[in-house]
All heavy atoms as atom14 arrays in JSON, in Angstrom:
{
  "sequence": "RCVNTFGSYYCKCQLGYELKYVSGHYDCVDVNECVTNTHGCNLHAE",
  "atom14_mask": [
    [1, 1, 1, 1, 1, 1, 1, 1, 1, 1, 1, 0, 0, 0],
    [1, 1, 1, 1, 1, 1, 0, 0, 0, 0, 0, 0, 0, 0],
    [1, 1, 1, 1, 1, 1, 1, 0, 0, 0, 0, 0, 0, 0],
    [1, 1, 1, 1, 1, 1, 1, 1, 0, 0, 0, 0, 0, 0],
    [1, 1, 1, 1, 1, 1, 1, 0, 0, 0, 0, 0, 0, 0],
    [1, 1, 1, 1, 1, 1, 1, 1, 1, 1, 1, 0, 0, 0],
    [1, 1, 1, 1, 0, 0, 0, 0, 0, 0, 0, 0, 0, 0],
    [1, 1, 1, 1, 1, 1, 0, 0, 0, 0, 0, 0, 0, 0],
    [1, 1, 1, 1, 1, 1, 1, 1, 1, 1, 1, 1, 0, 0],
    [1, 1, 1, 1, 1, 1, 1, 1, 1, 1, 1, 1, 0, 0],
    [1, 1, 1, 1, 1, 1, 0, 0, 0, 0, 0, 0, 0, 0],
    [1, 1, 1, 1, 1, 1, 1, 1, 1, 0, 0, 0, 0, 0],
    [1, 1, 1, 1, 1, 1, 0, 0, 0, 0, 0, 0, 0, 0],
    [1, 1, 1, 1, 1, 1, 1, 1, 1, 0, 0, 0, 0, 0],
    [1, 1, 1, 1, 1, 1, 1, 1, 0, 0, 0, 0, 0, 0],
    [1, 1, 1, 1, 0, 0, 0, 0, 0, 0, 0, 0, 0, 0],
    [1, 1, 1, 1, 1, 1, 1, 1, 1, 1, 1, 1, 0, 0],
    [1, 1, 1, 1, 1, 1, 1, 1, 1, 0, 0, 0, 0, 0],
    [1, 1, 1, 1, 1, 1, 1, 1, 0, 0, 0, 0, 0, 0],
    [1, 1, 1, 1, 1, 1, 1, 1, 1, 0, 0, 0, 0, 0],
    [1, 1, 1, 1, 1, 1, 1, 1, 1, 1, 1, 1, 0, 0],
    [1, 1, 1, 1, 1, 1, 1, 0, 0, 0, 0, 0, 0, 0],
    [1, 1, 1, 1, 1, 1, 0, 0, 0, 0, 0, 0, 0, 0],
    [1, 1, 1, 1, 0, 0, 0, 0, 0, 0, 0, 0, 0, 0],
    [1, 1, 1, 1, 1, 1, 1, 1, 1, 1, 0, 0, 0, 0],
    [1, 1, 1, 1, 1, 1, 1, 1, 1, 1, 1, 1, 0, 0],
    [1, 1, 1, 1, 1, 1, 1, 1, 0, 0, 0, 0, 0, 0],
    [1, 1, 1, 1, 1, 1, 0, 0, 0, 0, 0, 0, 0, 0],
    [1, 1, 1, 1, 1, 1, 1, 0, 0, 0, 0, 0, 0, 0],
    [1, 1, 1, 1, 1, 1, 1, 1, 0, 0, 0, 0, 0, 0],
    [1, 1, 1, 1, 1, 1, 1, 0, 0, 0, 0, 0, 0, 0],
    [1, 1, 1, 1, 1, 1, 1, 1, 0, 0, 0, 0, 0, 0],
    [1, 1, 1, 1, 1, 1, 1, 1, 1, 0, 0, 0, 0, 0],
    [1, 1, 1, 1, 1, 1, 0, 0, 0, 0, 0, 0, 0, 0],
    [1, 1, 1, 1, 1, 1, 1, 0, 0, 0, 0, 0, 0, 0],
    [1, 1, 1, 1, 1, 1, 1, 0, 0, 0, 0, 0, 0, 0],
    [1, 1, 1, 1, 1, 1, 1, 1, 0, 0, 0, 0, 0, 0],
    [1, 1, 1, 1, 1, 1, 1, 0, 0, 0, 0, 0, 0, 0],
    [1, 1, 1, 1, 1, 1, 1, 1, 1, 1, 0, 0, 0, 0],
    [1, 1, 1, 1, 0, 0, 0, 0, 0, 0, 0, 0, 0, 0],
    [1, 1, 1, 1, 1, 1, 0, 0, 0, 0, 0, 0, 0, 0],
    [1, 1, 1, 1, 1, 1, 1, 1, 0, 0, 0, 0, 0, 0],
    [1, 1, 1, 1, 1, 1, 1, 1, 0, 0, 0, 0, 0, 0],
    [1, 1, 1, 1, 1, 1, 1, 1, 1, 1, 0, 0, 0, 0],
    [1, 1, 1, 1, 1, 0, 0, 0, 0, 0, 0, 0, 0, 0],
    [1, 1, 1, 1, 1, 1, 1, 1, 1, 0, 0, 0, 0, 0]
  ],
  "atom14_positions": [
    [[-32.46, 34.02, -1.39], [-31.06, 34.37, -1.68], [-30.15, 33.38, -0.96], [-30.5, 32.82, 0.07], [-30.76, 35.8, -1.26], [-30.97, 36.1, 0.2], [-30.82, 37.59, 0.49], [-31.36, 37.91, 1.8], [-30.62, 38.13, 2.88], [-29.32, 38.08, 2.8], [-31.18, 38.4, 4.04], [0.0, 0.0, 0.0], [0.0, 0.0, 0.0], [0.0, 0.0, 0.0]],
    [[-29.0, 33.2, -1.53], [-28.02, 32.23, -1.02], [-27.21, 32.84, 0.12], [-26.79, 33.99, 0.05], [-27.1, 31.82, -2.17], [-25.87, 30.6, -1.7], [0.0, 0.0, 0.0], [0.0, 0.0, 0.0], [0.0, 0.0, 0.0], [0.0, 0.0, 0.0], [0.0, 0.0, 0.0], [0.0, 0.0, 0.0], [0.0, 0.0, 0.0], [0.0, 0.0, 0.0]],
    [[-27.0, 32.05, 1.17], [-26.15, 32.44, 2.29], [-25.1, 31.34, 2.45], [-25.45, 30.19, 2.71], [-26.95, 32.62, 3.6], [-26.04, 32.99, 4.75], [-28.05, 33.66, 3.42], [0.0, 0.0, 0.0], [0.0, 0.0, 0.0], [0.0, 0.0, 0.0], [0.0, 0.0, 0.0], [0.0, 0.0, 0.0], [0.0, 0.0, 0.0], [0.0, 0.0, 0.0]],
    [[-23.83, 31.69, 2.29], [-22.76, 30.7, 2.4], [-22.48, 30.36, 3.86], [-22.54, 31.22, 4.72], [-21.49, 31.24, 1.73], [-20.41, 30.19, 1.64], [-20.64, 29.11, 1.09], [-19.26, 30.48, 2.19], [0.0, 0.0, 0.0], [0.0, 0.0, 0.0], [0.0, 0.0, 0.0], [0.0, 0.0, 0.0], [0.0, 0.0, 0.0], [0.0, 0.0, 0.0]],
    [[-22.18, 29.08, 4.13], [-21.74, 28.63, 5.45], [-20.47, 27.82, 5.23], [-20.14, 27.46, 4.1], [-22.81, 27.76, 6.14], [-23.04, 26.59, 5.35], [-24.1, 28.52, 6.35], [0.0, 0.0, 0.0], [0.0, 0.0, 0.0], [0.0, 0.0, 0.0], [0.0, 0.0, 0.0], [0.0, 0.0, 0.0], [0.0, 0.0, 0.0], [0.0, 0.0, 0.0]],
    [[-19.78, 27.47, 6.3], [-18.56, 26.67, 6.16], [-18.95, 25.25, 5.76], [-19.58, 24.52, 6.51], [-17.77, 26.65, 7.47], [-16.45, 25.93, 7.35], [-15.38, 26.53, 6.69], [-16.29, 24.67, 7.86], [-14.17, 25.87, 6.57], [-15.08, 24.0, 7.74], [-14.03, 24.61, 7.1], [0.0, 0.0, 0.0], [0.0, 0.0, 0.0], [0.0, 0.0, 0.0]],
    [[-18.62, 24.89, 4.54], [-18.89, 23.55, 4.05], [-20.23, 23.37, 3.36], [-20.53, 22.31, 2.85], [0.0, 0.0, 0.0], [0.0, 0.0, 0.0], [0.0, 0.0, 0.0], [0.0, 0.0, 0.0], [0.0, 0.0, 0.0], [0.0, 0.0, 0.0], [0.0, 0.0, 0.0], [0.0, 0.0, 0.0], [0.0, 0.0, 0.0], [0.0, 0.0, 0.0]],
    [[-21.05, 24.43, 3.34], [-22.36, 24.3, 2.7], [-22.95, 25.69, 2.43], [-22.22, 26.67, 2.36], [-23.29, 23.49, 3.62], [-24.47, 23.15, 2.93], [0.0, 0.0, 0.0], [0.0, 0.0, 0.0], [0.0, 0.0, 0.0], [0.0, 0.0, 0.0], [0.0, 0.0, 0.0], [0.0, 0.0, 0.0], [0.0, 0.0, 0.0], [0.0, 0.0, 0.0]],
    [[-24.27, 25.75, 2.3], [-24.99, 27.02, 2.12], [-26.45, 26.76, 2.47], [-26.88, 25.62, 2.61], [-24.86, 27.53, 0.68], [-25.64, 26.71, -0.33], [-26.93, 27.08, -0.72], [-25.1, 25.55, -0.89], [-27.65, 26.32, -1.64], [-25.81, 24.8, -1.81], [-27.08, 25.19, -2.17], [-27.79, 24.44, -3.07], [0.0, 0.0, 0.0], [0.0, 0.0, 0.0]],
    [[-27.21, 27.84, 2.63], [-28.65, 27.7, 2.77], [-29.32, 28.84, 2.03], [-28.68, 29.84, 1.7], [-29.1, 27.62, 4.23], [-28.9, 28.88, 5.05], [-29.91, 29.81, 5.2], [-27.68, 29.12, 5.69], [-29.73, 30.95, 5.95], [-27.49, 30.25, 6.44], [-28.51, 31.16, 6.58], [-28.33, 32.31, 7.32], [0.0, 0.0, 0.0], [0.0, 0.0, 0.0]],
    [[-30.6, 28.67, 1.75], [-31.37, 29.69, 1.03], [-32.27, 30.42, 2.01], [-32.98, 29.79, 2.8], [-32.19, 29.04, -0.08], [-31.19, 28.19, -1.32], [0.0, 0.0, 0.0], [0.0, 0.0, 0.0], [0.0, 0.0, 0.0], [0.0, 0.0, 0.0], [0.0, 0.0, 0.0], [0.0, 0.0, 0.0], [0.0, 0.0, 0.0], [0.0, 0.0, 0.0]],
    [[-32.22, 31.73, 1.95], [-32.98, 32.58, 2.87], [-33.91, 33.46, 2.05], [-33.59, 33.8, 0.91], [-31.98, 33.43, 3.65], [-32.58, 34.3, 4.71], [-31.48, 35.05, 5.46], [-32.07, 35.92, 6.54], [-31.05, 36.62, 7.31], [0.0, 0.0, 0.0], [0.0, 0.0, 0.0], [0.0, 0.0, 0.0], [0.0, 0.0, 0.0], [0.0, 0.0, 0.0]],
    [[-35.05, 33.8, 2.61], [-35.98, 34.68, 1.9], [-35.31, 36.02, 1.6], [-34.56, 36.55, 2.42], [-37.24, 34.93, 2.74], [-38.28, 33.47, 2.93], [0.0, 0.0, 0.0], [0.0, 0.0, 0.0], [0.0, 0.0, 0.0], [0.0, 0.0, 0.0], [0.0, 0.0, 0.0], [0.0, 0.0, 0.0], [0.0, 0.0, 0.0], [0.0, 0.0, 0.0]],
    [[-35.58, 36.54, 0.4], [-35.08, 37.86, 0.03], [-35.65, 38.91, 0.98], [-36.68, 38.7, 1.62], [-35.54, 38.22, -1.4], [-34.97, 37.35, -2.47], [-33.61, 37.83, -2.95], [-32.96, 38.63, -2.31], [-33.17, 37.3, -4.06], [0.0, 0.0, 0.0], [0.0, 0.0, 0.0], [0.0, 0.0, 0.0], [0.0, 0.0, 0.0], [0.0, 0.0, 0.0]],
    [[-34.98, 40.06, 1.07], [-35.52, 41.16, 1.86], [-36.88, 41.55, 1.3], [-37.07, 41.59, 0.08], [-34.56, 42.36, 1.8], [-33.23, 42.16, 2.51], [-32.3, 43.34, 2.23], [-33.42, 41.98, 4.0], [0.0, 0.0, 0.0], [0.0, 0.0, 0.0], [0.0, 0.0, 0.0], [0.0, 0.0, 0.0], [0.0, 0.0, 0.0], [0.0, 0.0, 0.0]],
    [[-37.82, 41.79, 2.18], [-39.18, 42.12, 1.76], [-40.08, 40.89, 1.68], [-41.27, 41.0, 1.35], [0.0, 0.0, 0.0], [0.0, 0.0, 0.0], [0.0, 0.0, 0.0], [0.0, 0.0, 0.0], [0.0, 0.0, 0.0], [0.0, 0.0, 0.0], [0.0, 0.0, 0.0], [0.0, 0.0, 0.0], [0.0, 0.0, 0.0], [0.0, 0.0, 0.0]],
    [[-39.53, 39.71, 1.98], [-40.28, 38.46, 1.99], [-40.04, 37.75, 3.32], [-39.01, 37.96, 3.97], [-39.86, 37.54, 0.84], [-40.19, 38.08, -0.52], [-39.3, 38.94, -1.16], [-41.38, 37.75, -1.15], [-39.61, 39.46, -2.41], [-41.68, 38.26, -2.41], [-40.79, 39.12, -3.03], [-41.09, 39.62, -4.27], [0.0, 0.0, 0.0], [0.0, 0.0, 0.0]],
    [[-41.01, 36.94, 3.74], [-40.83, 36.16, 4.96], [-41.29, 34.73, 4.73], [-42.14, 34.46, 3.87], [-41.59, 36.78, 6.13], [-43.1, 36.82, 5.95], [-43.81, 37.56, 7.08], [-43.18, 37.82, 8.12], [-45.0, 37.84, 6.92], [0.0, 0.0, 0.0], [0.0, 0.0, 0.0], [0.0, 0.0, 0.0], [0.0, 0.0, 0.0], [0.0, 0.0, 0.0]],
    [[-40.69, 33.8, 5.47], [-40.99, 32.39, 5.33], [-42.29, 32.08, 6.06], [-42.42, 32.36, 7.25], [-39.84, 31.55, 5.9], [-39.86, 30.07, 5.59], [-39.71, 29.83, 4.09], [-38.75, 29.36, 6.34], [0.0, 0.0, 0.0], [0.0, 0.0, 0.0], [0.0, 0.0, 0.0], [0.0, 0.0, 0.0], [0.0, 0.0, 0.0], [0.0, 0.0, 0.0]],
    [[-43.25, 31.5, 5.35], [-44.55, 31.13, 5.93], [-44.96, 29.76, 5.42], [-44.6, 29.37, 4.32], [-45.62, 32.15, 5.57], [-45.55, 33.43, 6.35], [-46.82, 34.23, 6.21], [-46.77, 35.45, 7.11], [-47.94, 36.29, 6.97], [0.0, 0.0, 0.0], [0.0, 0.0, 0.0], [0.0, 0.0, 0.0], [0.0, 0.0, 0.0], [0.0, 0.0, 0.0]],
    [[-45.73, 29.07, 6.25], [-46.26, 27.76, 5.87], [-47.6, 28.0, 5.16], [-48.57, 28.4, 5.76], [-46.44, 26.89, 7.12], [-46.73, 25.46, 6.81], [-45.72, 24.62, 6.34], [-48.0, 24.92, 7.0], [-45.97, 23.29, 6.06], [-48.25, 23.59, 6.73], [-47.23, 22.78, 6.26], [-47.48, 21.45, 5.99], [0.0, 0.0, 0.0], [0.0, 0.0, 0.0]],
    [[-47.6, 27.77, 3.85], [-48.79, 28.05, 3.04], [-49.1, 26.82, 2.18], [-48.21, 26.29, 1.51], [-48.55, 29.28, 2.12], [-49.79, 29.59, 1.29], [-48.14, 30.49, 2.93], [0.0, 0.0, 0.0], [0.0, 0.0, 0.0], [0.0, 0.0, 0.0], [0.0, 0.0, 0.0], [0.0, 0.0, 0.0], [0.0, 0.0, 0.0], [0.0, 0.0, 0.0]],
    [[-50.35, 26.39, 2.18], [-50.82, 25.28, 1.34], [-49.95, 24.03, 1.44], [-49.57, 23.44, 0.44], [-50.93, 25.72, -0.13], [-51.74, 26.86, -0.25], [0.0, 0.0, 0.0], [0.0, 0.0, 0.0], [0.0, 0.0, 0.0], [0.0, 0.0, 0.0], [0.0, 0.0, 0.0], [0.0, 0.0, 0.0], [0.0, 0.0, 0.0], [0.0, 0.0, 0.0]],
    [[-49.59, 23.68, 2.65], [-48.86, 22.43, 2.87], [-47.36, 22.49, 2.7], [-46.69, 21.46, 2.78], [0.0, 0.0, 0.0], [0.0, 0.0, 0.0], [0.0, 0.0, 0.0], [0.0, 0.0, 0.0], [0.0, 0.0, 0.0], [0.0, 0.0, 0.0], [0.0, 0.0, 0.0], [0.0, 0.0, 0.0], [0.0, 0.0, 0.0], [0.0, 0.0, 0.0]],
    [[-46.79, 23.67, 2.43], [-45.33, 23.77, 2.34], [-44.87, 25.19, 2.7], [-45.67, 26.12, 2.73], [-44.83, 23.38, 0.94], [-45.26, 24.34, -0.15], [-46.51, 24.36, -0.69], [-44.55, 25.33, -0.76], [-46.58, 25.31, -1.62], [-45.41, 25.92, -1.66], [0.0, 0.0, 0.0], [0.0, 0.0, 0.0], [0.0, 0.0, 0.0], [0.0, 0.0, 0.0]],
    [[-43.58, 25.31, 2.99], [-43.02, 26.61, 3.32], [-42.68, 27.36, 2.04], [-42.19, 26.79, 1.08], [-41.74, 26.45, 4.17], [-42.04, 26.06, 5.59], [-42.0, 24.74, 5.98], [-42.37, 27.02, 6.53], [-42.28, 24.37, 7.29], [-42.65, 26.68, 7.84], [-42.6, 25.34, 8.21], [-42.88, 24.99, 9.51], [0.0, 0.0, 0.0], [0.0, 0.0, 0.0]],
    [[-42.97, 28.68, 2.07], [-42.67, 29.51, 0.92], [-42.35, 30.92, 1.4], [-42.77, 31.34, 2.48], [-43.88, 29.54, -0.03], [-43.5, 29.97, -1.44], [-42.29, 30.11, -1.71], [-44.41, 30.16, -2.26], [0.0, 0.0, 0.0], [0.0, 0.0, 0.0], [0.0, 0.0, 0.0], [0.0, 0.0, 0.0], [0.0, 0.0, 0.0], [0.0, 0.0, 0.0]],
    [[-41.61, 31.64, 0.58], [-41.31, 33.04, 0.87], [-42.42, 33.89, 0.29], [-42.63, 33.89, -0.93], [-39.95, 33.43, 0.27], [-38.56, 32.59, 1.04], [0.0, 0.0, 0.0], [0.0, 0.0, 0.0], [0.0, 0.0, 0.0], [0.0, 0.0, 0.0], [0.0, 0.0, 0.0], [0.0, 0.0, 0.0], [0.0, 0.0, 0.0], [0.0, 0.0, 0.0]],
    [[-43.13, 34.58, 1.16], [-44.25, 35.41, 0.71], [-43.95, 36.88, 1.01], [-43.2, 37.2, 1.93], [-45.59, 34.99, 1.37], [-45.98, 33.59, 0.95], [-45.51, 35.07, 2.89], [0.0, 0.0, 0.0], [0.0, 0.0, 0.0], [0.0, 0.0, 0.0], [0.0, 0.0, 0.0], [0.0, 0.0, 0.0], [0.0, 0.0, 0.0], [0.0, 0.0, 0.0]],
    [[-44.53, 37.74, 0.22], [-44.32, 39.18, 0.33], [-44.76, 39.69, 1.7], [-45.8, 39.31, 2.22], [-45.13, 39.89, -0.76], [-45.06, 41.4, -0.64], [-43.93, 41.92, -0.58], [-46.12, 42.05, -0.6], [0.0, 0.0, 0.0], [0.0, 0.0, 0.0], [0.0, 0.0, 0.0], [0.0, 0.0, 0.0], [0.0, 0.0, 0.0], [0.0, 0.0, 0.0]],
    [[-43.93, 40.53, 2.3], [-44.29, 41.22, 3.54], [-45.01, 42.49, 3.14], [-44.49, 43.29, 2.36], [-43.03, 41.58, 4.37], [-43.4, 42.43, 5.58], [-42.3, 40.32, 4.8], [0.0, 0.0, 0.0], [0.0, 0.0, 0.0], [0.0, 0.0, 0.0], [0.0, 0.0, 0.0], [0.0, 0.0, 0.0], [0.0, 0.0, 0.0], [0.0, 0.0, 0.0]],
    [[-46.21, 42.69, 3.63], [-46.96, 43.91, 3.35], [-46.58, 44.94, 4.41], [-47.15, 44.99, 5.49], [-48.46, 43.65, 3.35], [-49.25, 44.85, 2.87], [-48.81, 46.0, 2.98], [-50.43, 44.6, 2.33], [0.0, 0.0, 0.0], [0.0, 0.0, 0.0], [0.0, 0.0, 0.0], [0.0, 0.0, 0.0], [0.0, 0.0, 0.0], [0.0, 0.0, 0.0]],
    [[-45.58, 45.75, 4.1], [-45.06, 46.74, 5.04], [-46.11, 47.77, 5.43], [-46.05, 48.36, 6.52], [-43.84, 47.46, 4.44], [-42.62, 46.6, 4.22], [-42.63, 45.83, 2.91], [-43.61, 45.97, 2.12], [-41.67, 45.09, 2.66], [0.0, 0.0, 0.0], [0.0, 0.0, 0.0], [0.0, 0.0, 0.0], [0.0, 0.0, 0.0], [0.0, 0.0, 0.0]],
    [[-47.11, 47.97, 4.57], [-48.17, 48.94, 4.86], [-49.08, 48.43, 5.98], [-49.51, 49.19, 6.84], [-48.99, 49.23, 3.61], [-47.98, 49.88, 2.24], [0.0, 0.0, 0.0], [0.0, 0.0, 0.0], [0.0, 0.0, 0.0], [0.0, 0.0, 0.0], [0.0, 0.0, 0.0], [0.0, 0.0, 0.0], [0.0, 0.0, 0.0], [0.0, 0.0, 0.0]],
    [[-49.33, 47.12, 5.99], [-50.18, 46.51, 7.03], [-49.39, 46.33, 8.32], [-49.91, 46.59, 9.41], [-50.74, 45.15, 6.54], [-51.46, 44.42, 7.65], [-51.66, 45.36, 5.35], [0.0, 0.0, 0.0], [0.0, 0.0, 0.0], [0.0, 0.0, 0.0], [0.0, 0.0, 0.0], [0.0, 0.0, 0.0], [0.0, 0.0, 0.0], [0.0, 0.0, 0.0]],
    [[-48.15, 45.91, 8.22], [-47.32, 45.68, 9.43], [-46.8, 46.98, 10.02], [-46.19, 46.98, 11.08], [-46.12, 44.76, 9.11], [-45.31, 45.38, 8.1], [-46.59, 43.39, 8.65], [0.0, 0.0, 0.0], [0.0, 0.0, 0.0], [0.0, 0.0, 0.0], [0.0, 0.0, 0.0], [0.0, 0.0, 0.0], [0.0, 0.0, 0.0], [0.0, 0.0, 0.0]],
    [[-47.01, 48.08, 9.32], [-46.6, 49.42, 9.76], [-45.08, 49.52, 9.97], [-44.61, 50.13, 10.91], [-47.37, 49.83, 11.02], [-47.48, 51.35, 11.15], [-47.4, 52.07, 10.15], [-47.65, 51.83, 12.36], [0.0, 0.0, 0.0], [0.0, 0.0, 0.0], [0.0, 0.0, 0.0], [0.0, 0.0, 0.0], [0.0, 0.0, 0.0], [0.0, 0.0, 0.0]],
    [[-44.35, 48.9, 9.05], [-42.88, 48.95, 9.1], [-42.31, 49.73, 7.92], [-41.16, 49.56, 7.56], [-42.3, 47.51, 9.08], [-42.79, 46.84, 7.92], [-42.66, 46.73, 10.33], [0.0, 0.0, 0.0], [0.0, 0.0, 0.0], [0.0, 0.0, 0.0], [0.0, 0.0, 0.0], [0.0, 0.0, 0.0], [0.0, 0.0, 0.0], [0.0, 0.0, 0.0]],
    [[-43.12, 50.59, 7.33], [-42.75, 51.27, 6.08], [-41.92, 52.53, 6.3], [-41.04, 52.82, 5.52], [-44.0, 51.6, 5.26], [-45.07, 52.28, 6.05], [-45.03, 53.6, 6.4], [-46.23, 51.8, 6.56], [-46.1, 53.93, 7.08], [-46.85, 52.84, 7.21], [0.0, 0.0, 0.0], [0.0, 0.0, 0.0], [0.0, 0.0, 0.0], [0.0, 0.0, 0.0]],
    [[-42.21, 53.32, 7.3], [-41.48, 54.57, 7.52], [-41.94, 55.72, 6.65], [-41.22, 56.71, 6.5], [0.0, 0.0, 0.0], [0.0, 0.0, 0.0], [0.0, 0.0, 0.0], [0.0, 0.0, 0.0], [0.0, 0.0, 0.0], [0.0, 0.0, 0.0], [0.0, 0.0, 0.0], [0.0, 0.0, 0.0], [0.0, 0.0, 0.0], [0.0, 0.0, 0.0]],
    [[-43.12, 55.59, 6.03], [-43.66, 56.69, 5.22], [-44.02, 57.86, 6.14], [-44.33, 57.68, 7.31], [-44.91, 56.24, 4.47], [-44.6, 54.98, 3.22], [0.0, 0.0, 0.0], [0.0, 0.0, 0.0], [0.0, 0.0, 0.0], [0.0, 0.0, 0.0], [0.0, 0.0, 0.0], [0.0, 0.0, 0.0], [0.0, 0.0, 0.0], [0.0, 0.0, 0.0]],
    [[-44.01, 59.05, 5.56], [-44.38, 60.26, 6.27], [-45.84, 60.17, 6.73], [-46.65, 59.49, 6.12], [-44.17, 61.47, 5.36], [-44.34, 62.78, 6.08], [-45.46, 63.28, 6.25], [-43.22, 63.36, 6.51], [0.0, 0.0, 0.0], [0.0, 0.0, 0.0], [0.0, 0.0, 0.0], [0.0, 0.0, 0.0], [0.0, 0.0, 0.0], [0.0, 0.0, 0.0]],
    [[-46.15, 60.89, 7.81], [-47.51, 60.94, 8.34], [-48.5, 61.45, 7.28], [-49.66, 61.04, 7.25], [-47.53, 61.86, 9.57], [-48.85, 62.01, 10.32], [-49.27, 60.66, 10.91], [-48.73, 63.05, 11.42], [0.0, 0.0, 0.0], [0.0, 0.0, 0.0], [0.0, 0.0, 0.0], [0.0, 0.0, 0.0], [0.0, 0.0, 0.0], [0.0, 0.0, 0.0]],
    [[-48.01, 62.29, 6.36], [-48.86, 62.86, 5.3], [-48.64, 62.14, 3.98], [-48.75, 62.74, 2.91], [-48.57, 64.36, 5.14], [-48.79, 65.13, 6.41], [-50.03, 65.33, 6.97], [-47.9, 65.73, 7.25], [-49.91, 66.02, 8.08], [-48.62, 66.29, 8.28], [0.0, 0.0, 0.0], [0.0, 0.0, 0.0], [0.0, 0.0, 0.0], [0.0, 0.0, 0.0]],
    [[-48.34, 60.85, 4.05], [-48.11, 60.06, 2.83], [-48.9, 58.76, 2.91], [-49.25, 58.29, 3.99], [-46.62, 59.76, 2.65], [0.0, 0.0, 0.0], [0.0, 0.0, 0.0], [0.0, 0.0, 0.0], [0.0, 0.0, 0.0], [0.0, 0.0, 0.0], [0.0, 0.0, 0.0], [0.0, 0.0, 0.0], [0.0, 0.0, 0.0], [0.0, 0.0, 0.0]],
    [[-49.16, 58.17, 1.74], [-49.82, 56.87, 1.65], [-48.75, 55.81, 1.39], [-47.82, 56.04, 0.62], [-50.82, 56.85, 0.49], [-52.01, 57.75, 0.67], [-52.93, 57.7, -0.54], [-53.05, 56.62, -1.15], [-53.49, 58.76, -0.88], [0.0, 0.0, 0.0], [0.0, 0.0, 0.0], [0.0, 0.0, 0.0], [0.0, 0.0, 0.0], [0.0, 0.0, 0.0]]
  ]
}
């Protein structure tokens, strides 16, 4: 997604994605909230 700055702009990973170095270049890859345990699901939920 685009982020405006004074005189320019930069591109930032969308929410739910993070910047990682993969196969020789940087890319925005999906964050697996279930593995990172950042989901907030109920204790009795998957």
